[in-house]
Amino acid sequence: SERCQHVSWIDSERLVSCGADNVINLWSLNSQEVLGVLKGHSQRVNRSVVHPNQRLLVSTSFDGTWKLWDLEKNGLC
């Protein structure tokens, strides 16, 4: 809903975006719908990168924190 800061690929059918709304969105390219939302930063998320194993994601935020997300554990794999 706010300015997008970064977009990266998970695989050929999914991508992840983050931005000024403080959340990370996982998108399906097939349905063009949000598959899930990761919340945990208190300020805008400036970067999110998916590990090559497609299970882990690292995010950084202007709140001065970084987070390691397990996409499988969060039901997003």
Protein backbone atom coordinates (compact mmCIF):
# COMPACT_ATOMS: atom_id res chain seq x y z
CA SER A 1 0.00 0.00 0.00
CA GLU A 2 3.07 2.24 0.34
CA ARG A 3 6.26 2.87 -1.63
CA CYS A 4 8.09 -0.31 -2.65
CA GLN A 5 11.74 -0.44 -1.60
CA HIS A 6 12.90 -3.74 -3.09
CA VAL A 7 11.73 -6.77 -5.10
CA SER A 8 13.49 -10.13 -5.42
CA TRP A 9 12.72 -13.53 -6.89
CA ILE A 10 11.97 -16.63 -4.83
CA ASP A 11 11.65 -18.87 -7.87
CA SER A 12 10.22 -18.64 -11.39
CA GLU A 13 6.64 -18.35 -10.06
CA ARG A 14 6.98 -16.28 -6.87
CA LEU A 15 8.60 -13.04 -5.77
CA VAL A 16 8.93 -11.02 -2.60
CA SER A 17 8.56 -7.26 -2.14
CA CYS A 18 9.06 -4.94 0.80
CA GLY A 19 8.49 -1.28 1.43
CA ALA A 20 7.35 1.66 3.46
CA ASP A 21 4.33 -0.16 4.92
CA ASN A 22 6.76 -2.12 7.21
CA VAL A 23 5.83 -5.54 5.78
CA ILE A 24 7.16 -8.12 3.34
CA ASN A 25 4.74 -9.48 0.74
CA LEU A 26 5.13 -12.80 -1.07
CA TRP A 27 3.48 -12.77 -4.49
CA SER A 28 2.34 -15.41 -6.95
CA LEU A 29 3.06 -14.48 -10.55
CA ASN A 30 0.43 -16.97 -11.74
CA SER A 31 -2.49 -15.49 -9.80
CA GLN A 32 -1.00 -12.01 -9.15
CA GLU A 33 -2.18 -12.34 -5.54
CA VAL A 34 -0.39 -12.01 -2.23
CA LEU A 35 0.48 -15.48 -0.90
CA GLY A 36 1.47 -14.18 2.50
CA VAL A 37 2.62 -11.22 4.54
CA LEU A 38 5.52 -11.14 7.00
CA LYS A 39 5.18 -8.55 9.78
CA GLY A 40 7.78 -7.75 12.39
CA HIS A 41 9.58 -4.53 11.55
CA SER A 42 8.46 -1.25 13.12
CA GLN A 43 9.70 0.96 10.26
CA ARG A 44 9.96 0.59 6.49
CA VAL A 45 11.68 -2.52 5.19
CA ASN A 46 14.46 -1.51 2.83
CA ARG A 47 15.70 -4.91 1.62
CA SER A 48 14.63 -8.55 1.53
CA VAL A 49 16.69 -11.33 0.00
CA VAL A 50 15.77 -15.00 -0.41
CA HIS A 51 18.42 -17.65 0.21
CA PRO A 52 19.11 -19.97 -2.76
CA ASN A 53 17.43 -22.83 -0.84
CA GLN A 54 14.17 -20.83 -1.22
CA ARG A 55 13.29 -21.48 2.43
CA LEU A 56 15.04 -18.62 4.22
CA LEU A 57 14.62 -14.88 3.76
CA VAL A 58 16.62 -12.05 5.35
CA SER A 59 15.16 -8.57 5.73
CA THR A 60 16.59 -5.26 6.93
CA SER A 61 14.70 -2.23 8.11
CA PHE A 62 15.12 1.44 8.91
CA ASP A 63 14.25 0.49 12.51
CA GLY A 64 17.87 -0.73 12.75
CA THR A 65 17.01 -4.45 12.83
CA TRP A 66 17.43 -7.42 10.54
CA LYS A 67 15.32 -10.56 10.63
CA LEU A 68 15.78 -14.11 9.40
CA TRP A 69 12.49 -15.62 8.28
CA ASP A 70 11.78 -19.33 7.77
CA LEU A 71 9.28 -19.33 4.90
CA GLU A 72 8.49 -23.02 5.35
CA LYS A 73 7.75 -22.62 9.05
CA ASN A 74 5.48 -19.65 8.24
CA GLY A 75 3.57 -21.76 5.69
CA LEU A 76 4.87 -19.81 2.70
CA CYS A 77 6.88 -22.50 0.92
